Each structure stands twice: as C-alpha cells, then as structure tokens.
Amino acid sequence: MSAIADLEEIVSLLLTPIFPARNGIRLLGVSLSPLERRVASAEPQLRLAL
C-alpha cells in the first residue's frame, strides 16, 4: 500500500464514528507531522525572559 492509501484508511477509520455529523461541518482537514526523529543540535535553545 502507498502512504496515501494508508493515510486515507486511517482517516476513514477515525471519522466513521462521527458521521453523519449532527451539526454541519464547514472545514475538515487532516495534517501529518514529520515522523523523522530530529537530531539534537549542539547549540542550546535560547531562553525567553519573561
């Protein structure tokens, strides 16, 4: 299966229980965050003075 087909299947499984929606839905979106592990940088994160 392609990644797109996998995503479509997962989204369908997640949304099936809420449809049909009681109230109208104007916009429904699905986003994917990068699934790669990020390598920690050698530089520390700057602090925000509050």
PDB file of N, CA and C in Angstrom:
ATOM      1  N   MET A   1       0.843  -1.194   0.000  1.00  0.00           N
ATOM      2  CA  MET A   1       0.000   0.000   0.000  1.00  0.00           C
ATOM      3  C   MET A   1       0.877   1.243   0.000  1.00  0.00           C
ATOM      4  N   SER A   2       0.379   2.264  -0.612  1.00  0.00           N
ATOM      5  CA  SER A   2       1.114   3.521  -0.612  1.00  0.00           C
ATOM      6  C   SER A   2       0.816   4.294   0.661  1.00  0.00           C
ATOM      7  N   ALA A   3       1.650   5.255   0.938  1.00  0.00           N
ATOM      8  CA  ALA A   3       1.459   6.079   2.132  1.00  0.00           C
ATOM      9  C   ALA A   3       0.130   6.828   2.065  1.00  0.00           C
ATOM     10  N   ILE A   4      -0.258   7.256   0.880  1.00  0.00           N
ATOM     11  CA  ILE A   4      -1.526   7.979   0.731  1.00  0.00           C
ATOM     12  C   ILE A   4      -2.700   7.053   1.031  1.00  0.00           C
ATOM     13  N   ALA A   5      -2.647   5.841   0.536  1.00  0.00           N
ATOM     14  CA  ALA A   5      -3.723   4.880   0.802  1.00  0.00           C
ATOM     15  C   ALA A   5      -3.797   4.553   2.286  1.00  0.00           C
ATOM     16  N   ASP A   6      -2.641   4.416   2.927  1.00  0.00           N
ATOM     17  CA  ASP A   6      -2.617   4.160   4.372  1.00  0.00           C
ATOM     18  C   ASP A   6      -3.259   5.312   5.131  1.00  0.00           C
ATOM     19  N   LEU A   7      -2.916   6.542   4.751  1.00  0.00           N
ATOM     20  CA  LEU A   7      -3.475   7.719   5.411  1.00  0.00           C
ATOM     21  C   LEU A   7      -4.983   7.796   5.199  1.00  0.00           C
ATOM     22  N   GLU A   8      -5.441   7.530   3.991  1.00  0.00           N
ATOM     23  CA  GLU A   8      -6.879   7.551   3.710  1.00  0.00           C
ATOM     24  C   GLU A   8      -7.622   6.523   4.554  1.00  0.00           C
ATOM     25  N   GLU A   9      -7.046   5.353   4.717  1.00  0.00           N
ATOM     26  CA  GLU A   9      -7.685   4.308   5.519  1.00  0.00           C
ATOM     27  C   GLU A   9      -7.766   4.713   6.989  1.00  0.00           C
ATOM     28  N   ILE A  10      -6.693   5.271   7.516  1.00  0.00           N
ATOM     29  CA  ILE A  10      -6.672   5.692   8.924  1.00  0.00           C
ATOM     30  C   ILE A  10      -7.673   6.811   9.164  1.00  0.00           C
ATOM     31  N   VAL A  11      -7.695   7.793   8.271  1.00  0.00           N
ATOM     32  CA  VAL A  11      -8.640   8.906   8.411  1.00  0.00           C
ATOM     33  C   VAL A  11     -10.071   8.389   8.352  1.00  0.00           C
ATOM     34  N   SER A  12     -10.347   7.481   7.451  1.00  0.00           N
ATOM     35  CA  SER A  12     -11.688   6.907   7.344  1.00  0.00           C
ATOM     36  C   SER A  12     -12.090   6.205   8.635  1.00  0.00           C
ATOM     37  N   LEU A  13     -11.180   5.435   9.213  1.00  0.00           N
ATOM     38  CA  LEU A  13     -11.474   4.742  10.473  1.00  0.00           C
ATOM     39  C   LEU A  13     -11.729   5.723  11.616  1.00  0.00           C
ATOM     40  N   LEU A  14     -10.993   6.833  11.624  1.00  0.00           N
ATOM     41  CA  LEU A  14     -11.163   7.822  12.692  1.00  0.00           C
ATOM     42  C   LEU A  14     -12.461   8.615  12.548  1.00  0.00           C
ATOM     43  N   LEU A  15     -12.878   8.882  11.321  1.00  0.00           N
ATOM     44  CA  LEU A  15     -14.043   9.740  11.097  1.00  0.00           C
ATOM     45  C   LEU A  15     -15.367   8.989  11.032  1.00  0.00           C
ATOM     46  N   THR A  16     -15.347   7.710  10.768  1.00  0.00           N
ATOM     47  CA  THR A  16     -16.582   6.934  10.642  1.00  0.00           C
ATOM     48  C   THR A  16     -17.507   7.082  11.845  1.00  0.00           C
ATOM     49  N   PRO A  17     -17.008   7.048  13.090  1.00  0.00           N
ATOM     50  CA  PRO A  17     -17.921   7.150  14.232  1.00  0.00           C
ATOM     51  C   PRO A  17     -18.638   8.498  14.366  1.00  0.00           C
ATOM     52  N   ILE A  18     -18.092   9.568  13.779  1.00  0.00           N
ATOM     53  CA  ILE A  18     -18.727  10.883  13.962  1.00  0.00           C
ATOM     54  C   ILE A  18     -19.629  11.284  12.797  1.00  0.00           C
ATOM     55  N   PHE A  19     -19.693  10.481  11.741  1.00  0.00           N
ATOM     56  CA  PHE A  19     -20.536  10.820  10.607  1.00  0.00           C
ATOM     57  C   PHE A  19     -21.769   9.955  10.582  1.00  0.00           C
ATOM     58  N   PRO A  20     -22.910  10.452  10.199  1.00  0.00           N
ATOM     59  CA  PRO A  20     -23.138  11.837   9.816  1.00  0.00           C
ATOM     60  C   PRO A  20     -23.119  12.749  11.038  1.00  0.00           C
ATOM     61  N   ALA A  21     -22.554  13.908  10.853  1.00  0.00           N
ATOM     62  CA  ALA A  21     -22.422  14.876  11.944  1.00  0.00           C
ATOM     63  C   ALA A  21     -23.776  15.505  12.254  1.00  0.00           C
ATOM     64  N   ARG A  22     -24.038  15.728  13.548  1.00  0.00           N
ATOM     65  CA  ARG A  22     -25.313  16.361  13.941  1.00  0.00           C
ATOM     66  C   ARG A  22     -25.365  17.795  13.439  1.00  0.00           C
ATOM     67  N   ASN A  23     -24.259  18.504  13.617  1.00  0.00           N
ATOM     68  CA  ASN A  23     -24.161  19.885  13.132  1.00  0.00           C
ATOM     69  C   ASN A  23     -23.340  19.878  11.848  1.00  0.00           C
ATOM     70  N   GLY A  24     -23.528  20.872  11.041  1.00  0.00           N
ATOM     71  CA  GLY A  24     -22.749  20.954   9.809  1.00  0.00           C
ATOM     72  C   GLY A  24     -21.266  21.159  10.095  1.00  0.00           C
ATOM     73  N   ILE A  25     -20.446  20.742   9.188  1.00  0.00           N
ATOM     74  CA  ILE A  25     -19.003  20.930   9.295  1.00  0.00           C
ATOM     75  C   ILE A  25     -18.568  21.772   8.110  1.00  0.00           C
ATOM     76  N   ARG A  26     -17.941  22.916   8.409  1.00  0.00           N
ATOM     77  CA  ARG A  26     -17.517  23.808   7.336  1.00  0.00           C
ATOM     78  C   ARG A  26     -16.193  23.378   6.723  1.00  0.00           C
ATOM     79  N   LEU A  27     -15.286  22.948   7.580  1.00  0.00           N
ATOM     80  CA  LEU A  27     -13.961  22.604   7.086  1.00  0.00           C
ATOM     81  C   LEU A  27     -13.418  21.444   7.895  1.00  0.00           C
ATOM     82  N   LEU A  28     -12.919  20.467   7.236  1.00  0.00           N
ATOM     83  CA  LEU A  28     -12.353  19.302   7.899  1.00  0.00           C
ATOM     84  C   LEU A  28     -11.028  19.008   7.225  1.00  0.00           C
ATOM     85  N   GLY A  29      -9.965  18.999   8.007  1.00  0.00           N
ATOM     86  CA  GLY A  29      -8.646  18.775   7.428  1.00  0.00           C
ATOM     87  C   GLY A  29      -7.848  17.759   8.218  1.00  0.00           C
ATOM     88  N   VAL A  30      -6.905  17.190   7.559  1.00  0.00           N
ATOM     89  CA  VAL A  30      -6.008  16.220   8.180  1.00  0.00           C
ATOM     90  C   VAL A  30      -4.595  16.645   7.827  1.00  0.00           C
ATOM     91  N   SER A  31      -3.729  16.670   8.820  1.00  0.00           N
ATOM     92  CA  SER A  31      -2.338  17.009   8.542  1.00  0.00           C
ATOM     93  C   SER A  31      -1.428  15.959   9.153  1.00  0.00           C
ATOM     94  N   LEU A  32      -0.265  15.876   8.612  1.00  0.00           N
ATOM     95  CA  LEU A  32       0.717  14.905   9.074  1.00  0.00           C
ATOM     96  C   LEU A  32       1.986  15.644   9.460  1.00  0.00           C
ATOM     97  N   SER A  33       2.471  15.400  10.635  1.00  0.00           N
ATOM     98  CA  SER A  33       3.744  15.977  11.047  1.00  0.00           C
ATOM     99  C   SER A  33       4.861  15.052  10.591  1.00  0.00           C
ATOM    100  N   PRO A  34       6.045  15.613  10.441  1.00  0.00           N
ATOM    101  CA  PRO A  34       7.170  14.746  10.059  1.00  0.00           C
ATOM    102  C   PRO A  34       7.350  13.632  11.090  1.00  0.00           C
ATOM    103  N   LEU A  35       7.576  12.444  10.627  1.00  0.00           N
ATOM    104  CA  LEU A  35       7.726  11.312  11.522  1.00  0.00           C
ATOM    105  C   LEU A  35       9.191  10.948  11.737  1.00  0.00           C
ATOM    106  N   GLU A  36      10.089  11.796  11.246  1.00  0.00           N
ATOM    107  CA  GLU A  36      11.511  11.544  11.419  1.00  0.00           C
ATOM    108  C   GLU A  36      11.957  12.048  12.781  1.00  0.00           C
ATOM    109  N   ARG A  37      12.917  11.347  13.349  1.00  0.00           N
ATOM    110  CA  ARG A  37      13.495  11.828  14.600  1.00  0.00           C
ATOM    111  C   ARG A  37      14.486  12.930  14.277  1.00  0.00           C
ATOM    112  N   ARG A  38      14.417  13.989  15.033  1.00  0.00           N
ATOM    113  CA  ARG A  38      15.348  15.088  14.820  1.00  0.00           C
ATOM    114  C   ARG A  38      16.588  14.880  15.677  1.00  0.00           C
ATOM    115  N   VAL A  39      17.702  15.195  15.102  1.00  0.00           N
ATOM    116  CA  VAL A  39      18.957  15.096  15.830  1.00  0.00           C
ATOM    117  C   VAL A  39      19.099  16.356  16.670  1.00  0.00           C
ATOM    118  N   ALA A  40      19.391  16.175  17.949  1.00  0.00           N
ATOM    119  CA  ALA A  40      19.551  17.321  18.844  1.00  0.00           C
ATOM    120  C   ALA A  40      20.729  18.165  18.382  1.00  0.00           C
ATOM    121  N   SER A  41      20.515  19.469  18.332  1.00  0.00           N
ATOM    122  CA  SER A  41      21.597  20.353  17.907  1.00  0.00           C
ATOM    123  C   SER A  41      22.584  20.554  19.047  1.00  0.00           C
ATOM    124  N   ALA A  42      23.791  20.903  18.685  1.00  0.00           N
ATOM    125  CA  ALA A  42      24.839  21.118  19.681  1.00  0.00           C
ATOM    126  C   ALA A  42      24.601  22.415  20.445  1.00  0.00           C
ATOM    127  N   GLU A  43      23.884  23.351  19.826  1.00  0.00           N
ATOM    128  CA  GLU A  43      23.630  24.635  20.468  1.00  0.00           C
ATOM    129  C   GLU A  43      22.382  24.545  21.337  1.00  0.00           C
ATOM    130  N   PRO A  44      22.454  25.065  22.572  1.00  0.00           N
ATOM    131  CA  PRO A  44      21.266  25.039  23.433  1.00  0.00           C
ATOM    132  C   PRO A  44      20.211  26.020  22.928  1.00  0.00           C
ATOM    133  N   GLN A  45      18.971  25.754  23.265  1.00  0.00           N
ATOM    134  CA  GLN A  45      17.880  26.633  22.875  1.00  0.00           C
ATOM    135  C   GLN A  45      17.952  27.912  23.689  1.00  0.00           C
ATOM    136  N   LEU A  46      17.669  29.045  23.048  1.00  0.00           N
ATOM    137  CA  LEU A  46      17.684  30.327  23.747  1.00  0.00           C
ATOM    138  C   LEU A  46      16.505  30.405  24.701  1.00  0.00           C
ATOM    139  N   ARG A  47      16.700  31.057  25.820  1.00  0.00           N
ATOM    140  CA  ARG A  47      15.630  31.225  26.806  1.00  0.00           C
ATOM    141  C   ARG A  47      14.907  32.542  26.557  1.00  0.00           C
ATOM    142  N   LEU A  48      13.629  32.549  26.827  1.00  0.00           N
ATOM    143  CA  LEU A  48      12.811  33.738  26.679  1.00  0.00           C
ATOM    144  C   LEU A  48      12.627  34.353  28.051  1.00  0.00           C
ATOM    145  N   ALA A  49      13.102  35.580  28.223  1.00  0.00           N
ATOM    146  CA  ALA A  49      12.981  36.261  29.515  1.00  0.00           C
ATOM    147  C   ALA A  49      11.550  36.758  29.679  1.00  0.00           C
ATOM    148  N   LEU A  50      10.903  36.320  30.741  1.00  0.00           N
ATOM    149  CA  LEU A  50       9.517  36.738  30.989  1.00  0.00           C
ATOM    150  C   LEU A  50       9.449  37.692  32.141  1.00  0.00           C
TER     151      LEU A  50
END
